[in-house]
PDB file of N, CA and C in Angstrom:
ATOM      1  N   MET A   1      95.301 108.778  90.632  1.00  0.00           N
ATOM      2  CA  MET A   1      95.193 107.302  91.875  1.00  0.00           C
ATOM      3  C   MET A   1      93.559 107.047  91.146  1.00  0.00           C
ATOM      4  N   ARG A   2      93.408 105.882  91.422  1.00  0.00           N
ATOM      5  CA  ARG A   2      92.032 105.831  90.546  1.00  0.00           C
ATOM      6  C   ARG A   2      91.038 105.830  91.857  1.00  0.00           C
ATOM      7  N   VAL A   3      89.606 106.329  91.822  1.00  0.00           N
ATOM      8  CA  VAL A   3      88.363 106.691  92.917  1.00  0.00           C
ATOM      9  C   VAL A   3      87.818 105.292  92.709  1.00  0.00           C
ATOM     10  N   PHE A   4      87.380 104.477  93.737  1.00  0.00           N
ATOM     11  CA  PHE A   4      86.109 103.686  94.138  1.00  0.00           C
ATOM     12  C   PHE A   4      85.018 104.091  94.360  1.00  0.00           C
ATOM     13  N   ASP A   5      83.836 103.891  93.810  1.00  0.00           N
ATOM     14  CA  ASP A   5      82.694 104.330  94.374  1.00  0.00           C
ATOM     15  C   ASP A   5      82.057 102.950  95.141  1.00  0.00           C
ATOM     16  N   LYS A   6      81.125 103.258  96.255  1.00  0.00           N
ATOM     17  CA  LYS A   6      80.414 102.342  97.024  1.00  0.00           C
ATOM     18  C   LYS A   6      80.268 100.920  96.066  1.00  0.00           C
ATOM     19  N   GLY A   7      79.815 100.833  94.936  1.00  0.00           N
ATOM     20  CA  GLY A   7      79.863  99.529  94.401  1.00  0.00           C
ATOM     21  C   GLY A   7      80.623  98.513  94.004  1.00  0.00           C
ATOM     22  N   MET A   8      81.808  99.533  93.590  1.00  0.00           N
ATOM     23  CA  MET A   8      83.442  99.146  93.649  1.00  0.00           C
ATOM     24  C   MET A   8      83.735  98.081  94.569  1.00  0.00           C
ATOM     25  N   LEU A   9      83.586  99.413  95.995  1.00  0.00           N
ATOM     26  CA  LEU A   9      84.399  98.613  97.114  1.00  0.00           C
ATOM     27  C   LEU A   9      83.852  97.422  97.233  1.00  0.00           C
ATOM     28  N   HIS A  10      82.288  97.381  97.209  1.00  0.00           N
ATOM     29  CA  HIS A  10      81.726  96.141  97.630  1.00  0.00           C
ATOM     30  C   HIS A  10      81.959  95.016  96.575  1.00  0.00           C
ATOM     31  N   LEU A  11      82.252  95.204  95.501  1.00  0.00           N
ATOM     32  CA  LEU A  11      82.927  93.905  94.582  1.00  0.00           C
ATOM     33  C   LEU A  11      84.816  93.387  94.843  1.00  0.00           C
ATOM     34  N   ILE A  12      84.989  94.315  95.210  1.00  0.00           N
ATOM     35  CA  ILE A  12      86.450  94.448  95.791  1.00  0.00           C
ATOM     36  C   ILE A  12      86.456  93.262  97.212  1.00  0.00           C
ATOM     37  N   SER A  13      85.362  94.031  97.775  1.00  0.00           N
ATOM     38  CA  SER A  13      85.631  93.262  99.358  1.00  0.00           C
ATOM     39  C   SER A  13      85.092  91.672  98.893  1.00  0.00           C
ATOM     40  N   ILE A  14      84.211  91.438  97.994  1.00  0.00           N
ATOM     41  CA  ILE A  14      83.284  90.475  97.806  1.00  0.00           C
ATOM     42  C   ILE A  14      84.421  89.473  97.034  1.00  0.00           C
ATOM     43  N   PHE A  15      85.028  89.989  96.229  1.00  0.00           N
ATOM     44  CA  PHE A  15      86.405  89.147  95.890  1.00  0.00           C
ATOM     45  C   PHE A  15      87.217  88.543  96.501  1.00  0.00           C
ATOM     46  N   GLU A  16      87.668  89.481  97.396  1.00  0.00           N
ATOM     47  CA  GLU A  16      88.531  88.967  98.726  1.00  0.00           C
ATOM     48  C   GLU A  16      87.804  88.275  99.671  1.00  0.00           C
ATOM     49  N   LEU A  17      86.727  88.233 100.291  1.00  0.00           N
ATOM     50  CA  LEU A  17      86.019  87.784 101.038  1.00  0.00           C
ATOM     51  C   LEU A  17      86.444  85.923 100.301  1.00  0.00           C
ATOM     52  N   VAL A  18      85.465  85.866  99.216  1.00  0.00           N
ATOM     53  CA  VAL A  18      85.523  84.403  98.112  1.00  0.00           C
ATOM     54  C   VAL A  18      86.338  83.888  97.894  1.00  0.00           C
ATOM     55  N   THR A  19      87.711  84.850  97.092  1.00  0.00           N
ATOM     56  CA  THR A  19      89.176  83.916  97.173  1.00  0.00           C
ATOM     57  C   THR A  19      89.768  84.496  98.016  1.00  0.00           C
ATOM     58  N   GLY A  20      90.182  85.035  98.898  1.00  0.00           N
ATOM     59  CA  GLY A  20      91.173  85.304 100.142  1.00  0.00           C
ATOM     60  C   GLY A  20      92.163  86.171  99.647  1.00  0.00           C
ATOM     61  N   VAL A  21      92.293  86.797  98.265  1.00  0.00           N
ATOM     62  CA  VAL A  21      93.189  87.369  97.473  1.00  0.00           C
ATOM     63  C   VAL A  21      92.475  88.969  97.666  1.00  0.00           C
ATOM     64  N   PRO A  22      93.571  89.755  97.869  1.00  0.00           N
ATOM     65  CA  PRO A  22      92.730  91.438  97.775  1.00  0.00           C
ATOM     66  C   PRO A  22      93.203  91.578  96.594  1.00  0.00           C
ATOM     67  N   PRO A  23      91.902  92.378  95.598  1.00  0.00           N
ATOM     68  CA  PRO A  23      92.589  92.908  94.085  1.00  0.00           C
ATOM     69  C   PRO A  23      93.548  93.604  94.143  1.00  0.00           C
ATOM     70  N   LEU A  24      93.939  94.117  93.067  1.00  0.00           N
ATOM     71  CA  LEU A  24      94.950  95.571  93.321  1.00  0.00           C
ATOM     72  C   LEU A  24      94.212  96.425  92.294  1.00  0.00           C
ATOM     73  N   ASP A  25      93.046  95.868  91.551  1.00  0.00           N
ATOM     74  CA  ASP A  25      92.249  96.839  90.446  1.00  0.00           C
ATOM     75  C   ASP A  25      90.994  95.935  90.021  1.00  0.00           C
ATOM     76  N   CYS A  26      89.838  96.531  89.719  1.00  0.00           N
ATOM     77  CA  CYS A  26      89.167  95.895  89.385  1.00  0.00           C
ATOM     78  C   CYS A  26      88.037  96.761  88.602  1.00  0.00           C
ATOM     79  N   ILE A  27      87.233  96.677  87.459  1.00  0.00           N
ATOM     80  CA  ILE A  27      86.656  97.483  86.232  1.00  0.00           C
ATOM     81  C   ILE A  27      85.254  96.479  86.427  1.00  0.00           C
ATOM     82  N   ASP A  28      84.073  97.379  86.607  1.00  0.00           N
ATOM     83  CA  ASP A  28      82.582  96.469  86.854  1.00  0.00           C
ATOM     84  C   ASP A  28      82.082  97.441  85.427  1.00  0.00           C
ATOM     85  N   GLU A  29      81.540  96.230  84.690  1.00  0.00           N
ATOM     86  CA  GLU A  29      81.214  96.014  83.061  1.00  0.00           C
ATOM     87  C   GLU A  29      79.670  95.667  83.512  1.00  0.00           C
ATOM     88  N   SER A  30      78.515  96.280  82.544  1.00  0.00           N
ATOM     89  CA  SER A  30      77.223  95.501  82.439  1.00  0.00           C
ATOM     90  C   SER A  30      76.730  94.056  82.678  1.00  0.00           C
ATOM     91  N   ASP A  31      78.213  93.711  81.877  1.00  0.00           N
ATOM     92  CA  ASP A  31      78.032  91.611  81.957  1.00  0.00           C
ATOM     93  C   ASP A  31      78.903  91.147  81.989  1.00  0.00           C
ATOM     94  N   LYS A  32      80.366  91.871  82.482  1.00  0.00           N
ATOM     95  CA  LYS A  32      81.374  91.481  83.274  1.00  0.00           C
ATOM     96  C   LYS A  32      81.956  92.560  84.443  1.00  0.00           C
ATOM     97  N   THR A  33      82.817  91.605  85.197  1.00  0.00           N
ATOM     98  CA  THR A  33      83.560  92.266  86.285  1.00  0.00           C
ATOM     99  C   THR A  33      84.946  91.946  85.757  1.00  0.00           C
ATOM    100  N   TYR A  34      86.265  93.008  85.654  1.00  0.00           N
ATOM    101  CA  TYR A  34      87.634  92.141  85.417  1.00  0.00           C
ATOM    102  C   TYR A  34      88.066  92.578  87.090  1.00  0.00           C
ATOM    103  N   PHE A  35      88.968  91.667  87.766  1.00  0.00           N
ATOM    104  CA  PHE A  35      89.922  91.810  88.452  1.00  0.00           C
ATOM    105  C   PHE A  35      91.553  91.800  88.194  1.00  0.00           C
ATOM    106  N   VAL A  36      92.495  92.631  88.769  1.00  0.00           N
ATOM    107  CA  VAL A  36      93.540  92.308  88.609  1.00  0.00           C
ATOM    108  C   VAL A  36      94.341  91.767  89.602  1.00  0.00           C
ATOM    109  N   VAL A  37      94.754  91.048  89.691  1.00  0.00           N
ATOM    110  CA  VAL A  37      95.593  90.357  91.268  1.00  0.00           C
ATOM    111  C   VAL A  37      97.110  90.307  91.040  1.00  0.00           C
ATOM    112  N   ASP A  38      97.482  90.351  91.675  1.00  0.00           N
ATOM    113  CA  ASP A  38      99.278  89.635  91.844  1.00  0.00           C
ATOM    114  C   ASP A  38      99.176  88.535  91.591  1.00  0.00           C
ATOM    115  N   LYS A  39     100.541  88.435  90.802  1.00  0.00           N
ATOM    116  CA  LYS A  39     100.204  87.168  89.754  1.00  0.00           C
ATOM    117  C   LYS A  39     101.047  86.377  90.429  1.00  0.00           C
ATOM    118  N   LYS A  40     101.597  86.310  91.910  1.00  0.00           N
ATOM    119  CA  LYS A  40     101.951  85.192  92.947  1.00  0.00           C
ATOM    120  C   LYS A  40     100.897  84.758  93.134  1.00  0.00           C
ATOM    121  N   LYS A  41      99.448  85.557  93.224  1.00  0.00           N
ATOM    122  CA  LYS A  41      98.883  85.046  94.061  1.00  0.00           C
ATOM    123  C   LYS A  41      97.364  84.472  93.194  1.00  0.00           C
ATOM    124  N   MET A  42      97.605  84.038  91.558  1.00  0.00           N
ATOM    125  CA  MET A  42      96.581  83.552  90.630  1.00  0.00           C
ATOM    126  C   MET A  42      96.621  82.487  91.405  1.00  0.00           C
ATOM    127  N   GLY A  43      97.216  81.305  91.649  1.00  0.00           N
ATOM    128  CA  GLY A  43      96.986  80.058  91.660  1.00  0.00           C
ATOM    129  C   GLY A  43      96.081  79.380  92.854  1.00  0.00           C
ATOM    130  N   ALA A  44      96.133  80.960  94.233  1.00  0.00           N
ATOM    131  CA  ALA A  44      95.329  81.228  94.944  1.00  0.00           C
ATOM    132  C   ALA A  44      93.292  81.049  94.269  1.00  0.00           C
ATOM    133  N   VAL A  45      93.696  81.970  93.359  1.00  0.00           N
ATOM    134  CA  VAL A  45      92.035  82.363  93.297  1.00  0.00           C
ATOM    135  C   VAL A  45      91.742  81.274  92.623  1.00  0.00           C
ATOM    136  N   LEU A  46      92.729  80.774  90.791  1.00  0.00           N
ATOM    137  CA  LEU A  46      92.238  79.926  90.329  1.00  0.00           C
ATOM    138  C   LEU A  46      92.105  78.372  90.726  1.00  0.00           C
ATOM    139  N   ALA A  47      92.450  78.209  92.631  1.00  0.00           N
ATOM    140  CA  ALA A  47      92.180  76.823  92.889  1.00  0.00           C
ATOM    141  C   ALA A  47      91.555  76.069  92.371  1.00  0.00           C
ATOM    142  N   ASN A  48      91.720  74.724  92.537  1.00  0.00           N
ATOM    143  CA  ASN A  48      89.844  73.856  92.550  1.00  0.00           C
ATOM    144  C   ASN A  48      89.394  74.228  91.595  1.00  0.00           C
ATOM    145  N   LYS A  49      90.025  74.287  90.049  1.00  0.00           N
ATOM    146  CA  LYS A  49      89.302  73.935  88.616  1.00  0.00           C
ATOM    147  C   LYS A  49      88.442  75.651  88.780  1.00  0.00           C
ATOM    148  N   GLY A  50      88.543  76.771  89.409  1.00  0.00           N
ATOM    149  CA  GLY A  50      87.893  77.736  89.131  1.00  0.00           C
ATOM    150  C   GLY A  50      86.896  77.495  89.960  1.00  0.00           C
ATOM    151  N   LYS A  51      86.962  76.904  90.945  1.00  0.00           N
ATOM    152  CA  LYS A  51      85.601  77.024  91.992  1.00  0.00           C
ATOM    153  C   LYS A  51      85.277  78.351  92.782  1.00  0.00           C
ATOM    154  N   LYS A  52      85.970  78.921  93.050  1.00  0.00           N
ATOM    155  CA  LYS A  52      86.155  80.348  93.689  1.00  0.00           C
ATOM    156  C   LYS A  52      85.646  81.317  92.751  1.00  0.00           C
ATOM    157  N   ILE A  53      85.724  81.433  91.671  1.00  0.00           N
ATOM    158  CA  ILE A  53      85.233  82.269  90.469  1.00  0.00           C
ATOM    159  C   ILE A  53      83.873  82.030  90.249  1.00  0.00           C
ATOM    160  N   LYS A  54      83.868  80.469  90.028  1.00  0.00           N
ATOM    161  CA  LYS A  54      81.892  80.178  89.477  1.00  0.00           C
ATOM    162  C   LYS A  54      81.308  80.687  91.054  1.00  0.00           C
ATOM    163  N   THR A  55      81.673  80.488  91.967  1.00  0.00           N
ATOM    164  CA  THR A  55      81.032  81.307  93.627  1.00  0.00           C
ATOM    165  C   THR A  55      80.803  82.448  93.372  1.00  0.00           C
ATOM    166  N   LEU A  56      81.646  83.302  92.767  1.00  0.00           N
ATOM    167  CA  LEU A  56      82.211  84.655  92.881  1.00  0.00           C
ATOM    168  C   LEU A  56      80.836  85.242  91.730  1.00  0.00           C
ATOM    169  N   GLU A  57      80.812  84.251  90.616  1.00  0.00           N
ATOM    170  CA  GLU A  57      80.112  84.324  89.402  1.00  0.00           C
ATOM    171  C   GLU A  57      78.490  84.371  89.571  1.00  0.00           C
ATOM    172  N   ASN A  58      78.093  83.396  90.541  1.00  0.00           N
ATOM    173  CA  ASN A  58      76.700  83.146  90.663  1.00  0.00           C
ATOM    174  C   ASN A  58      76.479  83.888  91.822  1.00  0.00           C
ATOM    175  N   HIS A  59      77.365  84.936  92.926  1.00  0.00           N
ATOM    176  CA  HIS A  59      77.000  85.676  93.439  1.00  0.00           C
ATOM    177  C   HIS A  59      77.015  86.989  92.880  1.00  0.00           C
ATOM    178  N   ILE A  60      77.591  87.092  91.887  1.00  0.00           N
ATOM    179  CA  ILE A  60      77.110  88.968  91.793  1.00  0.00           C
ATOM    180  C   ILE A  60      76.479  88.898  90.395  1.00  0.00           C
ATOM    181  N   ARG A  61      76.392  87.784  90.053  1.00  0.00           N
ATOM    182  CA  ARG A  61      75.511  87.391  88.553  1.00  0.00           C
ATOM    183  C   ARG A  61      75.938  87.952  87.305  1.00  0.00           C
ATOM    184  N   LYS A  62      77.071  87.823  87.369  1.00  0.00           N
ATOM    185  CA  LYS A  62      77.516  87.832  86.009  1.00  0.00           C
ATOM    186  C   LYS A  62      79.053  87.458  85.923  1.00  0.00           C
ATOM    187  N   ARG A  63      79.990  87.759  84.786  1.00  0.00           N
ATOM    188  CA  ARG A  63      80.953  86.644  84.327  1.00  0.00           C
ATOM    189  C   ARG A  63      82.208  87.505  85.285  1.00  0.00           C
ATOM    190  N   VAL A  64      83.376  87.003  85.640  1.00  0.00           N
ATOM    191  CA  VAL A  64      84.246  87.424  86.510  1.00  0.00           C
ATOM    192  C   VAL A  64      85.516  86.708  85.180  1.00  0.00           C
ATOM    193  N   VAL A  65      86.237  87.947  85.074  1.00  0.00           N
ATOM    194  CA  VAL A  65      87.619  87.735  84.347  1.00  0.00           C
ATOM    195  C   VAL A  65      88.585  88.492  85.553  1.00  0.00           C
ATOM    196  N   VAL A  66      89.879  87.270  85.483  1.00  0.00           N
ATOM    197  CA  VAL A  66      90.955  88.116  86.050  1.00  0.00           C
ATOM    198  C   VAL A  66      92.000  87.792  85.953  1.00  0.00           C
ATOM    199  N   PHE A  67      93.159  88.981  85.614  1.00  0.00           N
ATOM    200  CA  PHE A  67      94.100  89.045  85.180  1.00  0.00           C
ATOM    201  C   PHE A  67      95.473  89.041  86.420  1.00  0.00           C
ATOM    202  N   ALA A  68      96.664  89.142  85.797  1.00  0.00           N
ATOM    203  CA  ALA A  68      97.497  88.708  86.860  1.00  0.00           C
ATOM    204  C   ALA A  68      98.161  90.079  86.536  1.00  0.00           C
ATOM    205  N   TYR A  69      98.392  91.062  87.810  1.00  0.00           N
ATOM    206  CA  TYR A  69      99.201  91.824  87.453  1.00  0.00           C
ATOM    207  C   TYR A  69     100.941  91.539  86.433  1.00  0.00           C
ATOM    208  N   GLN A  70     101.342  92.389  86.040  1.00  0.00           N
ATOM    209  CA  GLN A  70     102.896  92.758  85.670  1.00  0.00           C
ATOM    210  C   GLN A  70     103.398  93.758  85.527  1.00  0.00           C
ATOM    211  N   ASP A  71     104.399  94.044  85.703  1.00  0.00           N
ATOM    212  CA  ASP A  71     105.666  94.788  85.715  1.00  0.00           C
ATOM    213  C   ASP A  71     105.341  95.840  84.578  1.00  0.00           C
ATOM    214  N   THR A  72     105.461  95.522  83.538  1.00  0.00           N
ATOM    215  CA  THR A  72     105.586  96.663  82.193  1.00  0.00           C
ATOM    216  C   THR A  72     104.084  96.278  81.348  1.00  0.00           C
ATOM    217  N   ALA A  73     103.560  97.570  80.965  1.00  0.00           N
ATOM    218  CA  ALA A  73     102.527  97.566  79.755  1.00  0.00           C
ATOM    219  C   ALA A  73     102.670  95.785  78.821  1.00  0.00           C
ATOM    220  N   GLU A  74     103.752  96.039  78.484  1.00  0.00           N
ATOM    221  CA  GLU A  74     103.989  94.951  77.737  1.00  0.00           C
ATOM    222  C   GLU A  74     103.763  93.377  78.129  1.00  0.00           C
ATOM    223  N   GLU A  75     104.195  93.819  79.486  1.00  0.00           N
ATOM    224  CA  GLU A  75     104.078  92.210  80.091  1.00  0.00           C
ATOM    225  C   GLU A  75     102.586  91.805  79.980  1.00  0.00           C
ATOM    226  N   PHE A  76     102.239  93.242  80.564  1.00  0.00           N
ATOM    227  CA  PHE A  76     100.708  92.678  80.827  1.00  0.00           C
ATOM    228  C   PHE A  76      99.677  92.193  79.725  1.00  0.00           C
ATOM    229  N   LEU A  77     100.203  93.091  78.364  1.00  0.00           N
ATOM    230  CA  LEU A  77      99.575  92.734  77.415  1.00  0.00           C
ATOM    231  C   LEU A  77      99.452  91.701  77.116  1.00  0.00           C
ATOM    232  N   LYS A  78     100.547  91.159  77.096  1.00  0.00           N
ATOM    233  CA  LYS A  78     100.944  89.881  76.542  1.00  0.00           C
ATOM    234  C   LYS A  78     100.661  88.777  77.158  1.00  0.00           C
ATOM    235  N   GLU A  79     100.637  88.873  78.567  1.00  0.00           N
ATOM    236  CA  GLU A  79      99.770  88.217  79.413  1.00  0.00           C
ATOM    237  C   GLU A  79      98.403  87.783  79.495  1.00  0.00           C
ATOM    238  N   THR A  80      97.884  89.318  79.174  1.00  0.00           N
ATOM    239  CA  THR A  80      96.287  89.381  78.958  1.00  0.00           C
ATOM    240  C   THR A  80      95.887  88.573  77.656  1.00  0.00           C
ATOM    241  N   ILE A  81      96.254  89.544  76.424  1.00  0.00           N
ATOM    242  CA  ILE A  81      95.983  88.803  75.295  1.00  0.00           C
ATOM    243  C   ILE A  81      96.802  87.444  74.448  1.00  0.00           C
ATOM    244  N   SER A  82      98.197  87.851  74.263  1.00  0.00           N
ATOM    245  CA  SER A  82      98.542  86.195  73.791  1.00  0.00           C
ATOM    246  C   SER A  82     100.250  86.943  73.849  1.00  0.00           C
ATOM    247  N   ASP A  83     101.239  86.101  73.983  1.00  0.00           N
ATOM    248  CA  ASP A  83     102.362  86.191  74.049  1.00  0.00           C
ATOM    249  C   ASP A  83     102.741  86.163  72.700  1.00  0.00           C
ATOM    250  N   LYS A  84     102.173  85.942  71.400  1.00  0.00           N
ATOM    251  CA  LYS A  84     102.674  86.177  70.096  1.00  0.00           C
ATOM    252  C   LYS A  84     101.958  87.734  69.542  1.00  0.00           C
ATOM    253  N   ILE A  85     101.561  88.379  70.637  1.00  0.00           N
ATOM    254  CA  ILE A  85     100.974  89.348  69.514  1.00  0.00           C
ATOM    255  C   ILE A  85     102.643  90.507  69.703  1.00  0.00           C
ATOM    256  N   LYS A  86     102.537  91.754  68.961  1.00  0.00           N
ATOM    257  CA  LYS A  86     103.719  92.531  68.544  1.00  0.00           C
ATOM    258  C   LYS A  86     103.267  94.104  68.940  1.00  0.00           C
ATOM    259  N   ILE A  87     104.573  94.256  70.133  1.00  0.00           N
ATOM    260  CA  ILE A  87     103.559  95.735  70.062  1.00  0.00           C
ATOM    261  C   ILE A  87     105.123  97.020  70.185  1.00  0.00           C
ATOM    262  N   LYS A  88     104.586  98.480  69.343  1.00  0.00           N
ATOM    263  CA  LYS A  88     105.271  99.037  69.119  1.00  0.00           C
ATOM    264  C   LYS A  88     104.418 100.223  69.402  1.00  0.00           C
ATOM    265  N   GLU A  89     105.737 101.215  70.489  1.00  0.00           N
ATOM    266  CA  GLU A  89     105.474 102.554  70.936  1.00  0.00           C
ATOM    267  C   GLU A  89     105.705 103.533  70.110  1.00  0.00           C
ATOM    268  N   THR A  90     104.713 104.348  70.395  1.00  0.00           N
ATOM    269  CA  THR A  90     105.718 105.404  69.622  1.00  0.00           C
ATOM    270  C   THR A  90     104.280 106.801  70.476  1.00  0.00           C
ATOM    271  N   GLU A  91     105.710 108.117  70.337  1.00  0.00           N
ATOM    272  CA  GLU A  91     104.778 108.818  70.790  1.00  0.00           C
ATOM    273  C   GLU A  91     104.122 108.445  72.184  1.00  0.00           C
ATOM    274  N   GLY A  92     104.698 108.016  73.130  1.00  0.00           N
ATOM    275  CA  GLY A  92     103.570 107.550  74.273  1.00  0.00           C
ATOM    276  C   GLY A  92     102.524 106.755  74.228  1.00  0.00           C
ATOM    277  N   THR A  93     102.566 106.104  73.037  1.00  0.00           N
ATOM    278  CA  THR A  93     101.093 105.214  72.590  1.00  0.00           C
ATOM    279  C   THR A  93     101.675 103.880  72.269  1.00  0.00           C
ATOM    280  N   LEU A  94     101.022 102.855  72.806  1.00  0.00           N
ATOM    281  CA  LEU A  94     100.984 101.579  72.393  1.00  0.00           C
ATOM    282  C   LEU A  94     100.215 100.648  71.305  1.00  0.00           C
ATOM    283  N   LYS A  95     100.637 100.792  70.353  1.00  0.00           N
ATOM    284  CA  LYS A  95     100.231  99.993  69.190  1.00  0.00           C
ATOM    285  C   LYS A  95     100.259  98.677  69.418  1.00  0.00           C
ATOM    286  N   ILE A  96      99.369  97.881  69.175  1.00  0.00           N
ATOM    287  CA  ILE A  96      99.436  96.502  69.363  1.00  0.00           C
ATOM    288  C   ILE A  96      98.818  95.842  68.178  1.00  0.00           C
ATOM    289  N   PHE A  97      99.552  94.868  67.494  1.00  0.00           N
ATOM    290  CA  PHE A  97      99.243  93.778  66.241  1.00  0.00           C
ATOM    291  C   PHE A  97      99.414  92.604  66.952  1.00  0.00           C
ATOM    292  N   VAL A  98      97.848  92.045  66.125  1.00  0.00           N
ATOM    293  CA  VAL A  98      97.662  90.710  66.571  1.00  0.00           C
ATOM    294  C   VAL A  98      97.139  90.095  65.728  1.00  0.00           C
ATOM    295  N   GLY A  99      97.243  88.655  65.899  1.00  0.00           N
ATOM    296  CA  GLY A  99      96.802  87.484  64.474  1.00  0.00           C
ATOM    297  C   GLY A  99      95.666  87.474  64.858  1.00  0.00           C
ATOM    298  N   ALA A 100      95.008  87.175  63.801  1.00  0.00           N
ATOM    299  CA  ALA A 100      93.480  86.591  63.425  1.00  0.00           C
ATOM    300  C   ALA A 100      92.694  86.048  64.715  1.00  0.00           C
ATOM    301  N   GLN A 101      93.660  84.956  65.544  1.00  0.00           N
ATOM    302  CA  GLN A 101      93.377  84.143  66.638  1.00  0.00           C
ATOM    303  C   GLN A 101      93.072  84.942  67.538  1.00  0.00           C
ATOM    304  N   ASP A 102      93.725  86.129  68.101  1.00  0.00           N
ATOM    305  CA  ASP A 102      94.019  86.705  69.140  1.00  0.00           C
ATOM    306  C   ASP A 102      93.101  87.885  68.935  1.00  0.00           C
ATOM    307  N   SER A 103      92.614  88.186  68.149  1.00  0.00           N
ATOM    308  CA  SER A 103      91.869  89.363  68.015  1.00  0.00           C
ATOM    309  C   SER A 103      90.406  89.646  68.087  1.00  0.00           C
ATOM    310  N   LYS A 104      90.116  88.628  68.450  1.00  0.00           N
ATOM    311  CA  LYS A 104      88.396  88.186  69.105  1.00  0.00           C
ATOM    312  C   LYS A 104      88.910  88.511  70.595  1.00  0.00           C
ATOM    313  N   LYS A 105      90.113  88.014  71.148  1.00  0.00           N
ATOM    314  CA  LYS A 105      90.018  88.587  72.789  1.00  0.00           C
ATOM    315  C   LYS A 105      90.417  89.865  72.951  1.00  0.00           C
ATOM    316  N   VAL A 106      90.890  90.530  71.616  1.00  0.00           N
ATOM    317  CA  VAL A 106      90.914  92.125  72.014  1.00  0.00           C
ATOM    318  C   VAL A 106      89.508  92.987  71.917  1.00  0.00           C
ATOM    319  N   LYS A 107      88.810  92.255  70.782  1.00  0.00           N
ATOM    320  CA  LYS A 107      87.500  92.755  71.362  1.00  0.00           C
ATOM    321  C   LYS A 107      86.835  92.421  72.221  1.00  0.00           C
ATOM    322  N   GLY A 108      86.614  91.879  72.442  1.00  0.00           N
ATOM    323  CA  GLY A 108      85.971  91.420  73.879  1.00  0.00           C
ATOM    324  C   GLY A 108      86.440  92.094  75.022  1.00  0.00           C
ATOM    325  N   ASP A 109      87.399  92.360  75.552  1.00  0.00           N
ATOM    326  CA  ASP A 109      88.492  92.449  76.574  1.00  0.00           C
ATOM    327  C   ASP A 109      88.997  93.452  76.187  1.00  0.00           C
ATOM    328  N   GLY A 110      88.780  94.252  75.412  1.00  0.00           N
ATOM    329  CA  GLY A 110      89.905  95.474  74.777  1.00  0.00           C
ATOM    330  C   GLY A 110      89.785  97.067  75.598  1.00  0.00           C
ATOM    331  N   GLU A 111      88.653  97.259  75.842  1.00  0.00           N
ATOM    332  CA  GLU A 111      88.452  98.062  76.343  1.00  0.00           C
ATOM    333  C   GLU A 111      88.760  97.791  77.763  1.00  0.00           C
ATOM    334  N   ALA A 112      88.556  97.061  78.806  1.00  0.00           N
ATOM    335  CA  ALA A 112      89.107  96.792  80.115  1.00  0.00           C
ATOM    336  C   ALA A 112      90.592  96.637  80.032  1.00  0.00           C
ATOM    337  N   ILE A 113      91.102  96.050  78.976  1.00  0.00           N
ATOM    338  CA  ILE A 113      92.657  95.832  79.357  1.00  0.00           C
ATOM    339  C   ILE A 113      93.037  97.582  79.023  1.00  0.00           C
ATOM    340  N   THR A 114      92.661  98.231  78.393  1.00  0.00           N
ATOM    341  CA  THR A 114      92.980  99.673  77.707  1.00  0.00           C
ATOM    342  C   THR A 114      92.545 100.289  79.306  1.00  0.00           C
ATOM    343  N   PHE A 115      91.778 100.120  80.052  1.00  0.00           N
ATOM    344  CA  PHE A 115      91.312 101.006  81.281  1.00  0.00           C
ATOM    345  C   PHE A 115      92.081 100.748  81.869  1.00  0.00           C
ATOM    346  N   LEU A 116      92.185  99.122  82.089  1.00  0.00           N
ATOM    347  CA  LEU A 116      93.396  98.669  83.516  1.00  0.00           C
ATOM    348  C   LEU A 116      95.086  99.023  83.318  1.00  0.00           C
ATOM    349  N   GLU A 117      95.548  99.562  81.878  1.00  0.00           N
ATOM    350  CA  GLU A 117      96.942  99.864  81.500  1.00  0.00           C
ATOM    351  C   GLU A 117      96.882 101.067  81.995  1.00  0.00           C
ATOM    352  N   SER A 118      95.927 102.476  82.187  1.00  0.00           N
ATOM    353  CA  SER A 118      96.237 103.551  81.946  1.00  0.00           C
ATOM    354  C   SER A 118      96.454 103.574  83.458  1.00  0.00           C
TER     355      SER A 118
END
């Protein structure tokens, strides 16, 4: 089970206040904050052309990235990176094979994706 410090709880609270949706997880980095929400509630979070996310970004003064929760690691990775990736599991480790177009996404959000998966 993850333990959230006061700052993380504050971000989670602000996210829910602004979007009306409680996040399932949160990762805060110096330049971005990542949230995971129930996939059925993504529409509510992204409504009005992302106006709620823009409001949140202005309030916390950094970029916000929202991922939809998926039931399996494979579904989560395909949803967050690309449905064209290939995944191979060996000895409890997932290896992800991506094309050139998707490699930029992995480099940008890869560390957060890894942390959210664990």
